[in-house]
């Protein structure tokens, strides 16, 4: 069950809806380059990342980040500061 239910209208604007979903879930040690390329051009990247952080998504590339990167962000971001994308 999702912890965070925001209006999910942003999902319809996401670039990933036009891509093969498998690129967002690479095998362990596999490349996430294709997924990150899609995310880098996505107009709702920040909303996607916010959703993944709030719902503690454990698998896949969300908002251009891996689970390891999202864990790091959760440790360094206070809830009131929001999410700032770099790069």
N, C-alpha and C. Protein backbone atom coordinates (compact mmCIF):
# COMPACT_ATOMS: atom_id res chain seq x y z
N UNK A 1 0.85 -1.19 0.00
CA UNK A 1 0.00 0.00 0.00
C UNK A 1 0.88 1.24 0.00
N UNK A 2 0.56 2.18 -0.82
CA UNK A 2 1.37 3.39 -0.95
C UNK A 2 1.20 4.28 0.27
N UNK A 3 2.32 4.77 0.76
CA UNK A 3 2.31 5.68 1.90
C UNK A 3 1.87 7.06 1.44
N UNK A 4 2.24 7.42 0.25
CA UNK A 4 2.07 8.78 -0.25
C UNK A 4 1.19 8.75 -1.48
N UNK A 5 0.02 9.31 -1.38
CA UNK A 5 -0.88 9.37 -2.53
C UNK A 5 -1.02 10.81 -2.98
N UNK A 6 -0.27 11.19 -3.99
CA UNK A 6 -0.41 12.52 -4.56
C UNK A 6 -1.21 12.37 -5.84
N UNK A 7 -1.65 13.47 -6.38
CA UNK A 7 -2.31 13.39 -7.67
C UNK A 7 -1.34 12.79 -8.66
N UNK A 8 -1.70 11.72 -9.29
CA UNK A 8 -0.77 11.02 -10.17
C UNK A 8 -0.94 11.43 -11.63
N UNK A 9 -1.52 12.58 -11.86
CA UNK A 9 -1.68 13.05 -13.24
C UNK A 9 -0.34 13.26 -13.92
N UNK A 10 0.70 13.48 -13.15
CA UNK A 10 2.04 13.66 -13.71
C UNK A 10 2.49 12.42 -14.49
N UNK A 11 2.02 11.25 -14.09
CA UNK A 11 2.45 10.02 -14.75
C UNK A 11 2.09 10.00 -16.24
N UNK A 12 0.97 10.58 -16.58
CA UNK A 12 0.57 10.64 -17.98
C UNK A 12 1.47 11.52 -18.82
N UNK A 13 2.24 12.39 -18.17
CA UNK A 13 3.15 13.30 -18.88
C UNK A 13 4.58 12.77 -18.92
N UNK A 14 4.80 11.64 -18.27
CA UNK A 14 6.15 11.10 -18.15
C UNK A 14 6.66 10.51 -19.47
N UNK A 15 7.92 10.71 -19.75
CA UNK A 15 8.55 10.18 -20.96
C UNK A 15 8.60 8.66 -20.95
N UNK A 16 8.63 8.06 -19.78
CA UNK A 16 8.77 6.60 -19.70
C UNK A 16 7.56 5.85 -20.25
N UNK A 17 6.43 6.51 -20.38
CA UNK A 17 5.25 5.80 -20.92
C UNK A 17 5.47 5.42 -22.37
N UNK A 18 6.43 6.06 -23.02
CA UNK A 18 6.74 5.77 -24.42
C UNK A 18 7.90 4.80 -24.57
N UNK A 19 8.49 4.37 -23.47
CA UNK A 19 9.69 3.52 -23.51
C UNK A 19 9.37 2.10 -23.05
N UNK A 20 10.27 1.20 -23.38
CA UNK A 20 10.16 -0.18 -22.92
C UNK A 20 10.37 -0.20 -21.40
N UNK A 21 9.39 -0.68 -20.64
CA UNK A 21 9.50 -0.66 -19.18
C UNK A 21 10.70 -1.44 -18.64
N UNK A 22 11.17 -2.41 -19.38
CA UNK A 22 12.29 -3.24 -18.91
C UNK A 22 13.57 -2.44 -18.72
N UNK A 23 13.74 -1.34 -19.46
CA UNK A 23 14.97 -0.56 -19.30
C UNK A 23 15.04 0.10 -17.93
N UNK A 24 13.92 0.24 -17.25
CA UNK A 24 13.89 0.87 -15.93
C UNK A 24 14.14 -0.12 -14.80
N UNK A 25 14.28 -1.39 -15.15
CA UNK A 25 14.54 -2.44 -14.17
C UNK A 25 15.67 -3.34 -14.67
N UNK A 26 16.88 -2.77 -14.78
CA UNK A 26 18.00 -3.57 -15.30
C UNK A 26 18.37 -4.69 -14.33
N UNK A 27 18.93 -5.76 -14.89
CA UNK A 27 19.44 -6.86 -14.07
C UNK A 27 20.54 -6.32 -13.17
N UNK A 28 20.78 -7.00 -12.07
CA UNK A 28 21.86 -6.60 -11.16
C UNK A 28 23.17 -6.51 -11.95
N UNK A 29 23.82 -5.38 -11.86
CA UNK A 29 25.06 -5.16 -12.59
C UNK A 29 24.84 -4.68 -14.02
N UNK A 30 23.57 -4.66 -14.47
CA UNK A 30 23.25 -4.20 -15.81
C UNK A 30 23.26 -2.68 -15.89
N UNK A 31 23.20 -2.19 -17.09
CA UNK A 31 23.28 -0.74 -17.32
C UNK A 31 21.91 -0.07 -17.16
N UNK A 32 21.92 1.06 -16.52
CA UNK A 32 20.71 1.88 -16.39
C UNK A 32 20.80 3.10 -17.30
N UNK A 33 21.78 3.09 -18.19
CA UNK A 33 22.04 4.24 -19.06
C UNK A 33 20.83 4.63 -19.91
N UNK A 34 20.16 3.66 -20.51
CA UNK A 34 19.00 3.96 -21.36
C UNK A 34 17.87 4.59 -20.55
N UNK A 35 17.62 4.06 -19.36
CA UNK A 35 16.56 4.61 -18.51
C UNK A 35 16.90 6.03 -18.07
N UNK A 36 18.14 6.24 -17.69
CA UNK A 36 18.56 7.57 -17.24
C UNK A 36 18.48 8.58 -18.38
N UNK A 37 18.72 8.13 -19.60
CA UNK A 37 18.61 9.02 -20.75
C UNK A 37 17.16 9.46 -20.94
N UNK A 38 16.22 8.54 -20.78
CA UNK A 38 14.80 8.89 -20.87
C UNK A 38 14.44 9.87 -19.76
N UNK A 39 14.87 9.57 -18.55
CA UNK A 39 14.56 10.43 -17.40
C UNK A 39 15.15 11.83 -17.55
N UNK A 40 16.32 11.91 -18.16
CA UNK A 40 16.98 13.22 -18.26
C UNK A 40 16.18 14.20 -19.12
N UNK A 41 15.34 13.68 -19.99
CA UNK A 41 14.53 14.53 -20.86
C UNK A 41 13.07 14.63 -20.38
N UNK A 42 12.77 14.07 -19.23
CA UNK A 42 11.39 13.99 -18.76
C UNK A 42 10.94 15.27 -18.05
N UNK A 43 9.79 15.80 -18.43
CA UNK A 43 9.30 17.04 -17.81
C UNK A 43 8.79 16.84 -16.38
N UNK A 44 8.55 15.60 -15.97
CA UNK A 44 8.03 15.35 -14.62
C UNK A 44 9.02 14.52 -13.79
N UNK A 45 10.28 14.67 -14.10
CA UNK A 45 11.32 13.91 -13.39
C UNK A 45 11.28 14.15 -11.87
N UNK A 46 11.14 15.39 -11.48
CA UNK A 46 11.15 15.71 -10.05
C UNK A 46 9.93 15.11 -9.34
N UNK A 47 8.76 15.15 -9.97
CA UNK A 47 7.56 14.56 -9.37
C UNK A 47 7.73 13.05 -9.22
N UNK A 48 8.34 12.42 -10.22
CA UNK A 48 8.59 10.98 -10.19
C UNK A 48 9.53 10.63 -9.03
N UNK A 49 10.59 11.39 -8.90
CA UNK A 49 11.54 11.14 -7.81
C UNK A 49 10.88 11.36 -6.45
N UNK A 50 10.11 12.41 -6.33
CA UNK A 50 9.41 12.68 -5.08
C UNK A 50 8.50 11.50 -4.70
N UNK A 51 7.76 10.99 -5.70
CA UNK A 51 6.87 9.85 -5.50
C UNK A 51 7.68 8.62 -5.04
N UNK A 52 8.79 8.35 -5.71
CA UNK A 52 9.60 7.18 -5.36
C UNK A 52 10.17 7.30 -3.95
N UNK A 53 10.60 8.48 -3.57
CA UNK A 53 11.12 8.67 -2.21
C UNK A 53 10.03 8.51 -1.17
N UNK A 54 8.88 9.09 -1.42
CA UNK A 54 7.79 9.03 -0.46
C UNK A 54 7.24 7.61 -0.30
N UNK A 55 7.27 6.84 -1.37
CA UNK A 55 6.74 5.48 -1.35
C UNK A 55 7.81 4.42 -1.16
N UNK A 56 9.03 4.87 -0.95
CA UNK A 56 10.17 3.98 -0.73
C UNK A 56 10.27 2.89 -1.79
N UNK A 57 10.18 3.31 -3.05
CA UNK A 57 10.32 2.38 -4.16
C UNK A 57 11.69 1.71 -4.06
N UNK A 58 11.68 0.38 -4.05
CA UNK A 58 12.92 -0.36 -3.84
C UNK A 58 13.58 -0.83 -5.12
N UNK A 59 12.86 -0.81 -6.21
CA UNK A 59 13.39 -1.37 -7.44
C UNK A 59 13.24 -0.39 -8.59
N UNK A 60 14.18 -0.44 -9.49
CA UNK A 60 14.07 0.32 -10.73
C UNK A 60 14.62 1.73 -10.64
N UNK A 61 14.59 2.36 -11.80
CA UNK A 61 15.03 3.74 -11.96
C UNK A 61 13.80 4.63 -11.88
N UNK A 62 13.81 5.56 -10.96
CA UNK A 62 12.70 6.52 -10.76
C UNK A 62 13.32 7.91 -10.71
N UNK A 63 12.80 8.81 -11.52
CA UNK A 63 13.33 10.17 -11.51
C UNK A 63 14.82 10.22 -11.84
N UNK A 64 15.28 9.24 -12.58
CA UNK A 64 16.69 9.19 -12.96
C UNK A 64 17.62 8.66 -11.89
N UNK A 65 17.07 8.07 -10.83
CA UNK A 65 17.91 7.59 -9.73
C UNK A 65 17.71 6.10 -9.47
N UNK A 66 18.75 5.47 -8.97
CA UNK A 66 18.69 4.06 -8.56
C UNK A 66 18.22 3.99 -7.11
N UNK A 67 17.92 2.79 -6.65
CA UNK A 67 17.52 2.62 -5.24
C UNK A 67 18.64 3.09 -4.32
N UNK A 68 19.87 2.79 -4.64
CA UNK A 68 21.01 3.21 -3.80
C UNK A 68 21.04 4.74 -3.71
N UNK A 69 20.85 5.41 -4.82
CA UNK A 69 20.86 6.88 -4.83
C UNK A 69 19.67 7.43 -4.03
N UNK A 70 18.52 6.77 -4.15
CA UNK A 70 17.35 7.23 -3.38
C UNK A 70 17.55 7.02 -1.89
N UNK A 71 18.18 5.93 -1.48
CA UNK A 71 18.48 5.73 -0.05
C UNK A 71 19.37 6.85 0.45
N UNK A 72 20.38 7.21 -0.35
CA UNK A 72 21.28 8.30 0.04
C UNK A 72 20.50 9.62 0.17
N UNK A 73 19.61 9.88 -0.79
CA UNK A 73 18.80 11.10 -0.73
C UNK A 73 17.92 11.12 0.51
N UNK A 74 17.30 9.99 0.84
CA UNK A 74 16.44 9.95 2.03
C UNK A 74 17.22 10.26 3.29
N UNK A 75 18.47 9.81 3.34
CA UNK A 75 19.29 10.08 4.53
C UNK A 75 19.70 11.54 4.63
N UNK A 76 19.89 12.19 3.48
CA UNK A 76 20.42 13.56 3.50
C UNK A 76 19.35 14.64 3.41
N UNK A 77 18.15 14.29 2.94
CA UNK A 77 17.09 15.29 2.79
C UNK A 77 16.17 15.27 4.00
N UNK A 78 15.90 16.44 4.54
CA UNK A 78 14.88 16.51 5.58
C UNK A 78 13.52 16.58 4.88
N UNK A 79 12.47 16.08 5.49
CA UNK A 79 11.15 16.08 4.86
C UNK A 79 10.66 17.46 4.42
N UNK A 80 11.03 18.49 5.15
CA UNK A 80 10.55 19.83 4.83
C UNK A 80 11.34 20.49 3.71
N UNK A 81 12.52 19.95 3.38
CA UNK A 81 13.36 20.58 2.36
C UNK A 81 12.98 20.18 0.94
N UNK A 82 12.28 19.10 0.78
CA UNK A 82 11.91 18.68 -0.57
C UNK A 82 13.04 17.98 -1.27
N UNK A 83 12.90 17.83 -2.58
CA UNK A 83 13.89 17.12 -3.38
C UNK A 83 14.51 18.08 -4.37
N UNK A 84 15.83 18.10 -4.41
CA UNK A 84 16.53 18.91 -5.38
C UNK A 84 17.31 17.98 -6.29
N UNK A 85 17.07 18.11 -7.58
CA UNK A 85 17.77 17.27 -8.55
C UNK A 85 19.09 17.92 -8.93
N UNK A 86 20.10 17.10 -9.10
CA UNK A 86 21.40 17.56 -9.53
C UNK A 86 21.69 16.92 -10.87
N UNK A 87 22.13 17.74 -11.82
CA UNK A 87 22.53 17.19 -13.13
C UNK A 87 21.45 17.10 -14.06
